[in-house]
Amino acid sequence: MSVAVLLFGCTDPVEPEYSYKEGLIYIDAQISTAVGTSYTRIYESNTDFRLYRNIFQEGATVVFKNVDTNETIPLLEEEDIYVPPEGFQAEDGETWQLEITLVDGRQYRSQPETINTPIPFQNMTAEYRKELLYREDVEGFVPGHAITISFNDPGETANQYLWGYRSFERPQFCQVCYDGVFRNGTCVGNESNSDPYFTYACETSDCFQIRYHEKIQLLSDEFVNGLAVNNLLVAQVPLYTKADILVELQQFSISPKAYEYYKVLKDIVDNNSGFNAPPPAALIGNLVSLNGDDEFVLGRFTALASTTQSIFIERGTIEENPIEYRLPANYESGPGAPTTAPCIESRYRTGRVPEGWEN
């Protein structure tokens, strides 16, 4: 993942010739007008026993800074991501900047990004397809739902669109402990236990697993400026399980430079096992190093204006097998042994019923 041919000072996305190099920082960050969709990820390239990896950088100080008001929003670390406080959302027209300080003192900053005016969409539909998309991890096509929408593109300005989604479904279990038991909020070892795992149901039925899109979907209005766009495919929701699901679609208005960046990223992702795969090529965005050296920073900080709609999908009658293996339940037995676990709030789980959920 190192850059072999680059121009100094270039902040446009490029696809350079490259070979792998250790110590490169990659940052994936966005700030949005939709609650729950702002985040920052920070990775550093590493070689360990000839295995190429991107290591998440823990303990960093990450801040969203409003350029106009100097307001700062500190981000909190959760697993492999940094997120703003619960309920945070930016506003249309605001200009924001990302500032990062790693544990070892290295500092990074983005160029300012202004949030555009969001554009509404209509006629959101979900169509089930037995062969929705090809996945490298299963070496074949998987079933799922294709999400389509319609919208009217404003003719007075050039517009670029990016789509993403969050999905909500009830999890099979709230906790699974392998080679151990659930005690005091965590899995602990138990030498007397001969079971390979124990499962723990959720303490409340109002617990939902949150998933995010794998594919990048985007569009420039170069050929549809001022026209009505109908039945456009904007999201693909794989059949992970057969549990009913709520899909919350976000239509983002982005800048031309952000569009060009994501266009390059889409080409990379579509050929390298999905959105969660480590980026295999260098992507120079709008981030710079403040460390007084010639370090290149890969990735981008993007400000997004969002329009959001949700659709509820029943999946209990689908005949095709889901992608995920359904783990057989195995509950502890004996006096006082717990059989449930709490629904812990995070980016990937919530105890709040999402708007639009149908019981």
Protein backbone atom coordinates (compact mmCIF):
# COMPACT_ATOMS: atom_id res chain seq x y z
CA MET A 1 0.00 0.00 0.00
CA SER A 2 2.76 2.50 -0.60
CA VAL A 3 2.91 5.25 -3.16
CA ALA A 4 5.54 4.85 -5.87
CA VAL A 5 4.61 7.76 -8.12
CA LEU A 6 2.85 10.78 -6.56
CA LEU A 7 2.88 14.55 -6.90
CA PHE A 8 3.53 16.65 -3.82
CA GLY A 9 0.56 18.73 -2.67
CA CYS A 10 -1.97 16.75 -4.71
CA THR A 11 -5.28 16.39 -2.89
CA ASP A 12 -7.29 14.87 -5.76
CA PRO A 13 -7.93 11.11 -5.71
CA VAL A 14 -5.36 9.15 -7.68
CA GLU A 15 -4.69 5.53 -8.59
CA PRO A 16 -0.90 5.36 -8.48
CA GLU A 17 1.44 2.47 -9.07
CA TYR A 18 2.27 1.11 -5.65
CA SER A 19 3.90 -1.60 -3.58
CA TYR A 20 3.22 -2.44 0.05
CA LYS A 21 4.85 -0.26 2.69
CA GLU A 22 4.62 -0.20 6.47
CA GLY A 23 3.61 2.83 8.53
CA LEU A 24 1.12 4.43 6.14
CA ILE A 25 -1.86 6.10 7.81
CA TYR A 26 -5.29 5.57 6.25
CA ILE A 27 -8.26 7.63 7.53
CA ASP A 28 -11.90 7.05 6.62
CA ALA A 29 -14.17 9.73 8.12
CA GLN A 30 -17.47 11.46 7.50
CA ILE A 31 -19.74 13.96 9.23
CA SER A 32 -23.42 13.90 8.34
CA THR A 33 -26.77 15.54 8.96
CA ALA A 34 -28.22 12.07 9.72
CA VAL A 35 -28.00 10.86 13.33
CA GLY A 36 -25.75 7.82 13.76
CA THR A 37 -23.88 8.09 10.46
CA SER A 38 -20.87 10.25 11.45
CA TYR A 39 -17.64 8.42 12.27
CA THR A 40 -13.85 8.19 11.92
CA ARG A 41 -11.65 5.15 11.34
CA ILE A 42 -7.84 5.31 11.56
CA TYR A 43 -5.53 2.53 10.37
CA GLU A 44 -1.78 2.05 9.96
CA SER A 45 -0.31 -0.43 7.47
CA ASN A 46 1.75 -3.23 8.97
CA THR A 47 3.62 -6.37 7.90
CA ASP A 48 3.71 -9.25 10.38
CA PHE A 49 5.17 -12.61 9.29
CA ARG A 50 4.68 -11.45 5.66
CA LEU A 51 0.99 -10.82 6.27
CA TYR A 52 -0.20 -7.41 5.12
CA ARG A 53 -2.58 -5.83 7.60
CA ASN A 54 -4.16 -2.52 8.49
CA ILE A 55 -4.02 -2.00 12.27
CA PHE A 56 -6.72 0.12 13.91
CA GLN A 57 -5.16 2.97 15.90
CA GLU A 58 -6.49 2.89 19.46
CA GLY A 59 -6.41 5.72 21.98
CA ALA A 60 -6.35 8.59 19.48
CA THR A 61 -7.82 12.02 20.20
CA VAL A 62 -10.34 12.68 17.41
CA VAL A 63 -12.31 15.92 17.05
CA PHE A 64 -14.84 17.39 14.63
CA LYS A 65 -14.29 21.17 14.54
CA ASN A 66 -16.86 23.68 13.26
CA VAL A 67 -14.74 26.14 11.27
CA ASP A 68 -17.25 29.00 11.60
CA THR A 69 -17.99 28.79 15.34
CA ASN A 70 -14.87 26.93 16.61
CA GLU A 71 -17.19 24.44 18.32
CA THR A 72 -15.45 21.10 18.85
CA ILE A 73 -17.10 17.67 19.05
CA PRO A 74 -14.84 15.01 20.64
CA LEU A 75 -15.33 11.51 19.27
CA LEU A 76 -15.51 8.42 21.47
CA GLU A 77 -13.72 5.14 20.74
CA GLU A 78 -15.92 2.06 20.16
CA GLU A 79 -14.29 -1.20 19.08
CA ASP A 80 -12.68 -0.30 15.71
CA ILE A 81 -14.24 3.13 15.20
CA TYR A 82 -14.56 6.63 16.67
CA VAL A 83 -18.05 8.12 16.89
CA PRO A 84 -19.51 11.44 18.13
CA PRO A 85 -21.83 11.59 21.17
CA GLU A 86 -25.22 9.93 20.82
CA GLY A 87 -27.75 12.04 18.92
CA PHE A 88 -25.15 14.23 17.17
CA GLN A 89 -25.96 15.55 13.72
CA ALA A 90 -24.45 18.37 11.67
CA GLU A 91 -26.59 21.01 9.92
CA ASP A 92 -26.91 22.09 6.30
CA GLY A 93 -24.45 24.83 5.31
CA GLU A 94 -22.02 24.22 8.18
CA THR A 95 -18.28 23.86 7.51
CA TRP A 96 -16.36 21.23 9.47
CA GLN A 97 -12.81 20.00 9.83
CA LEU A 98 -11.33 16.78 11.24
CA GLU A 99 -8.40 16.88 13.70
CA ILE A 100 -6.57 13.76 14.92
CA THR A 101 -3.76 13.19 17.41
CA LEU A 102 -2.41 9.64 17.75
CA VAL A 103 -1.08 8.17 20.98
CA ASP A 104 2.53 8.72 19.85
CA GLY A 105 1.86 12.42 19.17
CA ARG A 106 1.49 12.35 15.39
CA GLN A 107 -1.16 14.82 14.20
CA TYR A 108 -3.41 14.99 11.11
CA ARG A 109 -5.95 17.50 9.85
CA SER A 110 -8.45 17.63 7.00
CA GLN A 111 -9.26 20.50 4.71
CA PRO A 112 -12.57 22.22 5.60
CA GLU A 113 -15.71 20.58 4.15
CA THR A 114 -19.05 22.39 3.73
CA ILE A 115 -22.35 20.50 3.90
CA ASN A 116 -24.52 20.89 0.80
CA THR A 117 -28.30 21.19 0.65
CA PRO A 118 -29.93 17.71 0.78
CA ILE A 119 -32.13 16.51 -2.09
CA PRO A 120 -35.29 14.47 -1.29
CA PHE A 121 -36.26 11.17 -2.90
CA GLN A 122 -39.50 9.20 -3.30
CA ASN A 123 -40.96 5.78 -4.15
CA MET A 124 -38.56 3.65 -2.13
CA THR A 125 -39.15 -0.06 -2.88
CA ALA A 126 -37.52 -3.39 -1.95
CA GLU A 127 -37.44 -6.29 -4.44
CA TYR A 128 -36.27 -9.77 -3.40
CA ARG A 129 -33.73 -11.41 -5.70
CA LYS A 130 -32.40 -14.96 -5.41
CA GLU A 131 -29.08 -13.82 -6.87
CA LEU A 132 -28.63 -10.32 -5.55
CA LEU A 133 -24.86 -9.92 -5.68
CA TYR A 134 -21.61 -11.90 -5.87
CA ARG A 135 -19.58 -12.29 -2.68
CA GLU A 136 -15.98 -13.44 -2.63
CA ASP A 137 -16.26 -14.95 0.86
CA VAL A 138 -18.84 -17.52 -0.30
CA GLU A 139 -17.56 -17.69 -3.90
CA GLY A 140 -21.00 -17.26 -5.35
CA PHE A 141 -24.15 -15.19 -5.61
CA VAL A 142 -26.19 -14.55 -2.46
CA PRO A 143 -29.88 -13.65 -2.11
CA GLY A 144 -31.24 -10.40 -0.73
CA HIS A 145 -33.26 -7.28 -1.49
CA ALA A 146 -32.56 -4.62 -4.11
CA ILE A 147 -33.58 -1.13 -2.95
CA THR A 148 -34.72 1.35 -5.62
CA ILE A 149 -35.85 4.98 -5.41
CA SER A 150 -36.98 7.87 -7.63
CA PHE A 151 -36.06 11.56 -7.34
CA ASN A 152 -36.06 14.82 -9.27
CA ASP A 153 -32.59 16.16 -9.94
CA PRO A 154 -32.36 19.99 -9.58
CA GLY A 155 -31.41 21.55 -12.89
CA GLU A 156 -29.91 24.79 -11.60
CA THR A 157 -26.78 23.12 -10.12
CA ALA A 158 -24.55 20.12 -10.77
CA ASN A 159 -25.21 17.42 -8.19
CA GLN A 160 -23.40 14.31 -7.01
CA TYR A 161 -25.04 11.57 -4.94
CA LEU A 162 -23.83 8.87 -2.58
CA TRP A 163 -26.12 6.26 -0.99
CA GLY A 164 -25.72 4.21 2.16
CA TYR A 165 -27.97 2.38 4.57
CA ARG A 166 -28.34 1.05 8.08
CA SER A 167 -30.44 -2.05 8.73
CA PHE A 168 -32.09 -3.08 12.00
CA GLU A 169 -33.09 -6.63 12.97
CA ARG A 170 -33.57 -8.50 16.21
CA PRO A 171 -30.47 -10.61 17.00
CA GLN A 172 -30.67 -14.31 17.76
CA PHE A 173 -28.68 -13.80 20.98
CA CYS A 174 -27.33 -10.81 22.89
CA GLN A 175 -24.20 -12.70 23.97
CA VAL A 176 -22.32 -15.88 23.05
CA CYS A 177 -19.44 -17.02 25.26
CA TYR A 178 -16.96 -19.53 23.85
CA ASP A 179 -15.00 -21.66 26.36
CA GLY A 180 -16.53 -19.66 29.18
CA VAL A 181 -19.63 -18.19 30.83
CA PHE A 182 -21.25 -14.75 31.03
CA ARG A 183 -20.60 -13.04 34.38
CA ASN A 184 -20.66 -9.37 35.44
CA GLY A 185 -21.15 -8.12 31.91
CA THR A 186 -18.41 -10.11 30.19
CA CYS A 187 -17.35 -13.62 29.17
CA VAL A 188 -14.99 -15.27 31.65
CA GLY A 189 -13.18 -18.58 31.53
CA ASN A 190 -14.52 -21.61 33.33
CA GLU A 191 -12.17 -24.60 33.56
CA SER A 192 -14.93 -26.90 34.84
CA ASN A 193 -17.06 -26.18 31.78
CA SER A 194 -17.05 -28.81 29.02
CA ASP A 195 -19.43 -26.99 26.68
CA PRO A 196 -17.81 -25.27 23.67
CA TYR A 197 -20.08 -22.24 24.11
CA PHE A 198 -23.11 -20.83 25.93
CA THR A 199 -25.78 -18.57 24.45
CA TYR A 200 -27.65 -15.78 26.24
CA ALA A 201 -30.92 -14.32 24.98
CA CYS A 202 -31.56 -10.57 25.10
CA GLU A 203 -33.06 -9.27 28.35
CA THR A 204 -35.61 -7.29 26.34
CA SER A 205 -37.29 -7.83 22.99
CA ASP A 206 -36.45 -4.23 22.09
CA CYS A 207 -32.90 -5.00 21.02
CA PHE A 208 -31.74 -4.55 17.44
CA GLN A 209 -28.57 -5.44 15.59
CA ILE A 210 -27.37 -2.70 13.23
CA ARG A 211 -25.61 -3.46 9.95
CA TYR A 212 -24.17 -1.12 7.34
CA HIS A 213 -23.85 -1.19 3.56
CA GLU A 214 -21.06 -3.17 1.92
CA LYS A 215 -21.20 -1.64 -1.56
CA ILE A 216 -20.65 1.96 -2.64
CA GLN A 217 -23.46 3.39 -4.77
CA LEU A 218 -23.02 6.84 -6.30
CA LEU A 219 -24.17 8.96 -9.24
CA SER A 220 -23.25 12.20 -10.98
CA ASP A 221 -26.09 14.08 -12.69
CA GLU A 222 -23.94 14.76 -15.75
CA PHE A 223 -26.46 12.97 -18.00
CA VAL A 224 -29.63 13.49 -15.92
CA ASN A 225 -29.28 17.14 -14.89
CA GLY A 226 -32.74 18.57 -14.24
CA LEU A 227 -34.51 15.31 -15.07
CA ALA A 228 -36.62 12.81 -13.14
CA VAL A 229 -34.70 9.67 -12.18
CA ASN A 230 -36.98 6.65 -11.72
CA ASN A 231 -36.47 3.21 -10.15
CA LEU A 232 -32.74 3.67 -9.60
CA LEU A 233 -30.94 0.84 -7.80
CA VAL A 234 -29.19 2.46 -4.82
CA ALA A 235 -28.64 -0.33 -2.26
CA GLN A 236 -28.27 -4.11 -2.02
CA VAL A 237 -29.24 -5.75 1.29
CA PRO A 238 -27.94 -9.34 1.54
CA LEU A 239 -30.00 -12.01 3.30
CA TYR A 240 -27.79 -12.36 6.37
CA THR A 241 -30.68 -13.92 8.34
CA LYS A 242 -34.39 -14.51 7.81
CA ALA A 243 -35.39 -12.16 10.63
CA ASP A 244 -37.62 -9.25 9.63
CA ILE A 245 -35.60 -6.13 8.89
CA LEU A 246 -35.94 -2.36 8.72
CA VAL A 247 -33.71 -0.68 6.12
CA GLU A 248 -32.94 3.00 6.69
CA LEU A 249 -31.66 4.47 3.41
CA GLN A 250 -29.59 7.67 3.32
CA GLN A 251 -29.20 9.75 0.17
CA PHE A 252 -26.15 11.98 0.56
CA SER A 253 -25.36 15.12 -1.44
CA ILE A 254 -21.59 15.36 -1.85
CA SER A 255 -19.05 17.69 -3.45
CA PRO A 256 -17.46 17.02 -6.87
CA LYS A 257 -14.09 16.22 -5.23
CA ALA A 258 -15.77 13.79 -2.83
CA TYR A 259 -17.52 12.15 -5.79
CA GLU A 260 -14.25 11.64 -7.66
CA TYR A 261 -12.68 10.13 -4.52
CA TYR A 262 -15.54 7.70 -3.92
CA LYS A 263 -15.58 6.78 -7.60
CA VAL A 264 -11.98 5.58 -7.31
CA LEU A 265 -12.78 3.86 -4.00
CA LYS A 266 -15.78 2.09 -5.56
CA ASP A 267 -13.59 0.64 -8.31
CA ILE A 268 -11.19 -0.66 -5.65
CA VAL A 269 -13.87 -2.06 -3.32
CA ASP A 270 -15.86 -3.77 -6.08
CA ASN A 271 -12.77 -5.80 -6.95
CA ASN A 272 -11.55 -6.53 -3.42
CA SER A 273 -14.16 -8.37 -1.36
CA GLY A 274 -16.47 -5.60 -0.21
CA PHE A 275 -16.57 -2.37 1.75
CA ASN A 276 -15.05 -3.79 4.94
CA ALA A 277 -11.93 -5.11 3.19
CA PRO A 278 -8.71 -3.13 3.87
CA PRO A 279 -8.06 -0.69 0.99
CA PRO A 280 -5.34 -2.30 -1.19
CA ALA A 281 -4.40 0.86 -3.11
CA ALA A 282 -3.44 4.37 -2.14
CA LEU A 283 -6.22 6.97 -2.00
CA ILE A 284 -5.05 10.54 -1.57
CA GLY A 285 -7.94 12.67 -0.33
CA ASN A 286 -8.11 15.91 1.66
CA LEU A 287 -6.01 15.05 4.73
CA VAL A 288 -2.55 16.31 5.61
CA SER A 289 0.12 15.48 8.18
CA LEU A 290 1.12 18.15 10.73
CA ASN A 291 4.26 16.30 11.75
CA GLY A 292 6.74 18.44 9.83
CA ASP A 293 7.66 15.74 7.37
CA ASP A 294 6.73 14.65 3.86
CA GLU A 295 4.25 12.00 5.03
CA PHE A 296 1.35 11.17 2.73
CA VAL A 297 -2.01 10.56 4.39
CA LEU A 298 -4.43 8.21 2.68
CA GLY A 299 -8.20 8.53 2.90
CA ARG A 300 -10.73 11.33 3.19
CA PHE A 301 -12.96 13.37 5.51
CA THR A 302 -16.32 14.09 3.86
CA ALA A 303 -19.23 16.30 4.93
CA LEU A 304 -22.59 14.89 3.87
CA ALA A 305 -26.10 16.31 3.58
CA SER A 306 -28.57 13.48 4.06
CA THR A 307 -32.18 12.67 3.20
CA THR A 308 -33.44 9.54 4.97
CA GLN A 309 -36.34 7.12 4.51
CA SER A 310 -37.04 3.65 5.90
CA ILE A 311 -38.75 0.50 4.62
CA PHE A 312 -39.81 -2.57 6.64
CA ILE A 313 -39.20 -5.97 4.99
CA GLU A 314 -40.70 -9.29 6.13
CA ARG A 315 -38.34 -12.20 5.39
CA GLY A 316 -39.82 -15.16 7.27
CA THR A 317 -41.23 -16.88 4.16
CA ILE A 318 -38.05 -16.74 2.06
CA GLU A 319 -36.95 -20.24 0.99
CA GLU A 320 -33.26 -19.58 0.18
CA ASN A 321 -30.66 -20.13 2.89
CA PRO A 322 -29.31 -17.03 4.64
CA ILE A 323 -25.62 -16.12 4.55
CA GLU A 324 -24.98 -16.43 8.29
CA TYR A 325 -24.92 -19.75 10.11
CA ARG A 326 -27.64 -20.00 12.76
CA LEU A 327 -25.89 -21.11 15.95
CA PRO A 328 -27.95 -23.64 17.96
CA ALA A 329 -29.03 -22.33 21.35
CA ASN A 330 -27.12 -23.69 24.36
CA TYR A 331 -28.13 -22.15 27.69
CA GLU A 332 -26.47 -22.65 31.04
CA SER A 333 -28.22 -24.94 33.49
CA GLY A 334 -28.12 -25.06 37.24
CA PRO A 335 -29.28 -22.82 40.08
CA GLY A 336 -28.78 -19.11 39.45
CA ALA A 337 -27.17 -19.60 36.04
CA PRO A 338 -28.01 -16.62 33.78
CA THR A 339 -29.79 -17.21 30.50
CA THR A 340 -29.99 -13.58 29.32
CA ALA A 341 -27.63 -10.69 28.66
CA PRO A 342 -28.22 -6.93 28.34
CA CYS A 343 -28.58 -5.12 25.03
CA ILE A 344 -25.48 -2.93 25.10
CA GLU A 345 -25.72 0.28 23.07
CA SER A 346 -23.07 0.70 20.39
CA ARG A 347 -22.72 1.57 16.71
CA TYR A 348 -23.78 -2.00 15.94
CA ARG A 349 -26.59 -2.51 18.48
CA THR A 350 -29.39 -0.47 20.02
CA GLY A 351 -32.14 -0.93 22.58
CA ARG A 352 -34.31 1.72 20.95
CA VAL A 353 -37.05 0.72 18.56
CA PRO A 354 -36.16 2.29 15.16
CA GLU A 355 -38.73 4.59 13.61
CA GLY A 356 -40.80 2.64 11.11
CA TRP A 357 -40.43 -0.75 12.82
CA GLU A 358 -43.54 -2.93 12.53
CA ASN A 359 -44.22 -5.38 15.36
